[in-house]
Amino acid sequence: MVDSEKQKSYGRWHRFYLTSFSKYIDLANNKKQKLLVELKLNQTITDKQLKQFVAKYGKQMKENKSEIQSMNHNVIKRIYQYTSLTTGLLSPVKNTVDRNQISKFYAIEYSKVDAHLSSQIRQHNKDLYSWTVNDKLDVETAYMIGVNGV
C-alpha cells in the first residue's frame, strides 16, 4: 500500500496532498459518519493483501459500521472470508437478487431502481442503496419506493 500522504496531486491551479485512508476513516468516525467503501481490485491482488487491508483498516471501519461494496462479486466473496464487515454488490444495472449471505445489500444506480426491485430485495432481508440521486425529488422518490440509503 502506498503512503498517500506523500503523493502530490495537481488540479488545474492547485497542488495538494492526498490524505491517508486511515485518517479519512478517523474523520468519519469522529463525525459519526458511516462509510460505504468501494473496493476496485484486479486479479493480481492476493489473499494476503486482502488480509492486510482488513488487519490495517478493519477495526476502524467497524467503529462506524462501515460497509464494503464492489462491482465484482468475486471481490466480495474473497474479502468476506476475512472480515465481519457488511459486504454488498454495487451495480449500474439490475442484478439477480438471491439469498446468499455474502451480499447483504445491493447498491444500484438510481435510474434502474423501481418498486419491484425494492420489493425483491426486501423479500430477501437485504438493503437497497441507490446512487446518482441528484436532486431532492429523486431522494424523496427513492425513499418512497423502499431504498434504505442514497
C-alpha atoms as a PDB file:
ATOM      1  CA  MET A   1       0.000   0.000   0.000  1.00  0.00           C
ATOM      2  CA  VAL A   2       1.245   3.415  -0.925  1.00  0.00           C
ATOM      3  CA  ASP A   3       1.576   6.146   1.679  1.00  0.00           C
ATOM      4  CA  SER A   4      -0.837   8.547   0.041  1.00  0.00           C
ATOM      5  CA  GLU A   5       0.162  11.482   2.240  1.00  0.00           C
ATOM      6  CA  LYS A   6       3.438  11.708   0.356  1.00  0.00           C
ATOM      7  CA  GLN A   7       1.692  11.690  -3.026  1.00  0.00           C
ATOM      8  CA  LYS A   8       1.240  15.106  -4.605  1.00  0.00           C
ATOM      9  CA  SER A   9      -1.772  15.650  -6.781  1.00  0.00           C
ATOM     10  CA  TYR A  10      -2.262  18.523  -9.117  1.00  0.00           C
ATOM     11  CA  GLY A  11      -5.517  20.185 -10.010  1.00  0.00           C
ATOM     12  CA  ARG A  12      -5.833  22.866 -12.627  1.00  0.00           C
ATOM     13  CA  TRP A  13      -4.291  25.578 -10.450  1.00  0.00           C
ATOM     14  CA  HIS A  14      -3.716  23.768  -7.183  1.00  0.00           C
ATOM     15  CA  ARG A  15      -1.265  21.315  -5.718  1.00  0.00           C
ATOM     16  CA  PHE A  16      -2.385  19.236  -2.759  1.00  0.00           C
ATOM     17  CA  TYR A  17      -1.522  16.109  -0.816  1.00  0.00           C
ATOM     18  CA  LEU A  18      -3.886  13.211  -0.503  1.00  0.00           C
ATOM     19  CA  THR A  19      -4.831  12.139   2.986  1.00  0.00           C
ATOM     20  CA  SER A  20      -4.369   8.595   4.193  1.00  0.00           C
ATOM     21  CA  PHE A  21      -7.326   6.236   4.218  1.00  0.00           C
ATOM     22  CA  SER A  22      -6.758   5.729   7.935  1.00  0.00           C
ATOM     23  CA  LYS A  23      -7.148   9.473   8.596  1.00  0.00           C
ATOM     24  CA  TYR A  24     -10.225   9.543   6.393  1.00  0.00           C
ATOM     25  CA  ILE A  25     -11.819   6.747   8.440  1.00  0.00           C
ATOM     26  CA  ASP A  26     -10.851   8.522  11.685  1.00  0.00           C
ATOM     27  CA  LEU A  27     -12.533  11.708  10.473  1.00  0.00           C
ATOM     28  CA  ALA A  28     -15.669   9.765   9.535  1.00  0.00           C
ATOM     29  CA  ASN A  29     -15.656   8.069  12.942  1.00  0.00           C
ATOM     30  CA  ASN A  30     -15.284  11.420  14.726  1.00  0.00           C
ATOM     31  CA  LYS A  31     -18.241  12.788  12.763  1.00  0.00           C
ATOM     32  CA  LYS A  32     -20.252   9.575  13.353  1.00  0.00           C
ATOM     33  CA  GLN A  33     -20.419   9.161   9.559  1.00  0.00           C
ATOM     34  CA  LYS A  34     -20.857   5.630   8.267  1.00  0.00           C
ATOM     35  CA  LEU A  35     -18.746   4.867   5.185  1.00  0.00           C
ATOM     36  CA  LEU A  36     -19.616   2.782   2.168  1.00  0.00           C
ATOM     37  CA  VAL A  37     -16.200   1.734   0.846  1.00  0.00           C
ATOM     38  CA  GLU A  38     -15.867   0.554  -2.734  1.00  0.00           C
ATOM     39  CA  LEU A  39     -13.149  -1.995  -3.467  1.00  0.00           C
ATOM     40  CA  LYS A  40     -11.828  -1.905  -7.008  1.00  0.00           C
ATOM     41  CA  LEU A  41      -9.454  -4.821  -7.278  1.00  0.00           C
ATOM     42  CA  ASN A  42      -7.864  -6.625 -10.159  1.00  0.00           C
ATOM     43  CA  GLN A  43      -6.824 -10.274 -10.334  1.00  0.00           C
ATOM     44  CA  THR A  44      -3.290  -9.520  -9.136  1.00  0.00           C
ATOM     45  CA  ILE A  45      -4.463  -8.694  -5.591  1.00  0.00           C
ATOM     46  CA  THR A  46      -3.569 -11.618  -3.367  1.00  0.00           C
ATOM     47  CA  ASP A  47      -5.472 -13.011  -0.407  1.00  0.00           C
ATOM     48  CA  LYS A  48      -2.539 -11.905   1.734  1.00  0.00           C
ATOM     49  CA  GLN A  49      -3.106  -8.315   0.597  1.00  0.00           C
ATOM     50  CA  LEU A  50      -6.820  -8.569   1.386  1.00  0.00           C
ATOM     51  CA  LYS A  51      -5.955  -9.826   4.872  1.00  0.00           C
ATOM     52  CA  GLN A  52      -3.535  -6.908   5.268  1.00  0.00           C
ATOM     53  CA  PHE A  53      -6.278  -4.459   4.271  1.00  0.00           C
ATOM     54  CA  VAL A  54      -8.633  -5.932   6.872  1.00  0.00           C
ATOM     55  CA  ALA A  55      -5.882  -6.007   9.520  1.00  0.00           C
ATOM     56  CA  LYS A  56      -4.950  -2.390   8.836  1.00  0.00           C
ATOM     57  CA  TYR A  57      -8.413  -0.812   8.496  1.00  0.00           C
ATOM     58  CA  GLY A  58     -10.976  -3.334   9.745  1.00  0.00           C
ATOM     59  CA  LYS A  59     -11.096  -2.162  13.362  1.00  0.00           C
ATOM     60  CA  GLN A  60     -11.525   1.484  12.365  1.00  0.00           C
ATOM     61  CA  MET A  61     -14.192   0.571   9.842  1.00  0.00           C
ATOM     62  CA  LYS A  62     -16.126  -1.464  12.418  1.00  0.00           C
ATOM     63  CA  GLU A  63     -16.291   1.568  14.728  1.00  0.00           C
ATOM     64  CA  ASN A  64     -18.788   3.331  12.493  1.00  0.00           C
ATOM     65  CA  LYS A  65     -20.273   0.197  10.920  1.00  0.00           C
ATOM     66  CA  SER A  66     -18.701   0.889   7.529  1.00  0.00           C
ATOM     67  CA  GLU A  67     -19.715  -1.406   4.706  1.00  0.00           C
ATOM     68  CA  ILE A  68     -17.740  -2.722   1.738  1.00  0.00           C
ATOM     69  CA  GLN A  69     -19.079  -2.821  -1.798  1.00  0.00           C
ATOM     70  CA  SER A  70     -17.679  -3.868  -5.145  1.00  0.00           C
ATOM     71  CA  MET A  71     -18.902  -4.278  -8.716  1.00  0.00           C
ATOM     72  CA  ASN A  72     -17.025  -7.562  -8.812  1.00  0.00           C
ATOM     73  CA  HIS A  73     -18.868 -10.343  -6.971  1.00  0.00           C
ATOM     74  CA  ASN A  74     -15.639 -12.367  -6.717  1.00  0.00           C
ATOM     75  CA  VAL A  75     -14.036  -9.497  -4.791  1.00  0.00           C
ATOM     76  CA  ILE A  76     -16.955  -9.579  -2.347  1.00  0.00           C
ATOM     77  CA  LYS A  77     -16.600 -13.360  -1.948  1.00  0.00           C
ATOM     78  CA  ARG A  78     -12.880 -13.021  -1.278  1.00  0.00           C
ATOM     79  CA  ILE A  79     -12.999 -10.152   1.246  1.00  0.00           C
ATOM     80  CA  TYR A  80     -15.989 -11.757   3.018  1.00  0.00           C
ATOM     81  CA  GLN A  81     -13.671 -14.568   4.160  1.00  0.00           C
ATOM     82  CA  TYR A  82     -11.545 -12.154   6.193  1.00  0.00           C
ATOM     83  CA  THR A  83     -13.961  -9.660   7.710  1.00  0.00           C
ATOM     84  CA  SER A  84     -17.217  -9.418   9.600  1.00  0.00           C
ATOM     85  CA  LEU A  85     -17.988  -6.081   7.936  1.00  0.00           C
ATOM     86  CA  THR A  86     -21.161  -5.998   5.882  1.00  0.00           C
ATOM     87  CA  THR A  87     -20.498  -6.569   2.180  1.00  0.00           C
ATOM     88  CA  GLY A  88     -22.641  -5.907  -0.866  1.00  0.00           C
ATOM     89  CA  LEU A  89     -22.825  -5.683  -4.612  1.00  0.00           C
ATOM     90  CA  LEU A  90     -22.516  -2.345  -6.419  1.00  0.00           C
ATOM     91  CA  SER A  91     -24.066  -2.259  -9.869  1.00  0.00           C
ATOM     92  CA  PRO A  92     -25.089   0.217 -12.551  1.00  0.00           C
ATOM     93  CA  VAL A  93     -27.799  -2.249 -13.654  1.00  0.00           C
ATOM     94  CA  LYS A  94     -30.381  -4.551 -12.063  1.00  0.00           C
ATOM     95  CA  ASN A  95     -28.994  -7.874 -10.902  1.00  0.00           C
ATOM     96  CA  THR A  96     -30.427 -11.183  -9.861  1.00  0.00           C
ATOM     97  CA  VAL A  97     -31.399 -10.922  -6.214  1.00  0.00           C
ATOM     98  CA  ASP A  98     -30.538 -14.046  -4.269  1.00  0.00           C
ATOM     99  CA  ARG A  99     -30.387 -15.419  -0.749  1.00  0.00           C
ATOM    100  CA  ASN A 100     -26.603 -15.645  -0.468  1.00  0.00           C
ATOM    101  CA  GLN A 101     -25.233 -14.229   2.755  1.00  0.00           C
ATOM    102  CA  ILE A 102     -22.214 -12.607   1.148  1.00  0.00           C
ATOM    103  CA  SER A 103     -24.134  -9.686  -0.378  1.00  0.00           C
ATOM    104  CA  LYS A 104     -26.158  -8.144   2.437  1.00  0.00           C
ATOM    105  CA  PHE A 105     -27.119  -5.187   0.263  1.00  0.00           C
ATOM    106  CA  TYR A 106     -27.372  -4.049  -3.318  1.00  0.00           C
ATOM    107  CA  ALA A 107     -26.207  -0.580  -4.375  1.00  0.00           C
ATOM    108  CA  ILE A 108     -27.951   0.085  -7.678  1.00  0.00           C
ATOM    109  CA  GLU A 109     -27.781   3.141  -9.941  1.00  0.00           C
ATOM    110  CA  TYR A 110     -30.901   5.247  -9.315  1.00  0.00           C
ATOM    111  CA  SER A 111     -32.357   5.096 -12.841  1.00  0.00           C
ATOM    112  CA  LYS A 112     -32.510   1.276 -12.570  1.00  0.00           C
ATOM    113  CA  VAL A 113     -34.314   1.190  -9.211  1.00  0.00           C
ATOM    114  CA  ASP A 114     -38.049   0.580  -9.112  1.00  0.00           C
ATOM    115  CA  ALA A 115     -40.647  -0.654  -6.615  1.00  0.00           C
ATOM    116  CA  HIS A 116     -40.468  -4.230  -7.949  1.00  0.00           C
ATOM    117  CA  LEU A 117     -36.686  -4.432  -7.428  1.00  0.00           C
ATOM    118  CA  SER A 118     -37.051  -2.877  -3.990  1.00  0.00           C
ATOM    119  CA  SER A 119     -39.688  -5.465  -3.070  1.00  0.00           C
ATOM    120  CA  GLN A 120     -37.499  -8.362  -4.291  1.00  0.00           C
ATOM    121  CA  ILE A 121     -34.570  -7.146  -2.214  1.00  0.00           C
ATOM    122  CA  ARG A 122     -36.723  -6.676   0.904  1.00  0.00           C
ATOM    123  CA  GLN A 123     -38.102 -10.231   0.488  1.00  0.00           C
ATOM    124  CA  HIS A 124     -34.532 -11.472   0.918  1.00  0.00           C
ATOM    125  CA  ASN A 125     -33.998  -9.285   4.026  1.00  0.00           C
ATOM    126  CA  LYS A 126     -31.348  -7.191   2.306  1.00  0.00           C
ATOM    127  CA  ASP A 127     -30.860  -3.459   1.995  1.00  0.00           C
ATOM    128  CA  LEU A 128     -31.084  -1.386  -1.165  1.00  0.00           C
ATOM    129  CA  TYR A 129     -28.911   1.669  -1.687  1.00  0.00           C
ATOM    130  CA  SER A 130     -29.199   3.970  -4.662  1.00  0.00           C
ATOM    131  CA  TRP A 131     -26.528   6.182  -6.183  1.00  0.00           C
ATOM    132  CA  THR A 132     -26.537   9.123  -8.624  1.00  0.00           C
ATOM    133  CA  VAL A 133     -29.583  10.542  -6.890  1.00  0.00           C
ATOM    134  CA  ASN A 134     -29.164  14.144  -7.979  1.00  0.00           C
ATOM    135  CA  ASP A 135     -31.996  16.219  -6.561  1.00  0.00           C
ATOM    136  CA  LYS A 136     -34.382  16.436  -3.628  1.00  0.00           C
ATOM    137  CA  LEU A 137     -37.340  14.954  -5.524  1.00  0.00           C
ATOM    138  CA  ASP A 138     -35.270  11.919  -6.551  1.00  0.00           C
ATOM    139  CA  VAL A 139     -34.156  11.427  -2.932  1.00  0.00           C
ATOM    140  CA  GLU A 140     -37.773  11.536  -1.752  1.00  0.00           C
ATOM    141  CA  THR A 141     -38.881   9.173  -4.531  1.00  0.00           C
ATOM    142  CA  ALA A 142     -36.073   6.731  -3.762  1.00  0.00           C
ATOM    143  CA  TYR A 143     -37.116   6.507  -0.114  1.00  0.00           C
ATOM    144  CA  MET A 144     -40.794   6.174  -1.069  1.00  0.00           C
ATOM    145  CA  ILE A 145     -40.080   3.101  -3.209  1.00  0.00           C
ATOM    146  CA  GLY A 146     -38.091   1.479  -0.415  1.00  0.00           C
ATOM    147  CA  VAL A 147     -34.455   2.486  -0.820  1.00  0.00           C
ATOM    148  CA  ASN A 148     -32.596   2.273   2.516  1.00  0.00           C
ATOM    149  CA  GLY A 149     -29.936   4.844   1.680  1.00  0.00           C
ATOM    150  CA  VAL A 150     -28.728   7.209  -1.013  1.00  0.00           C
END
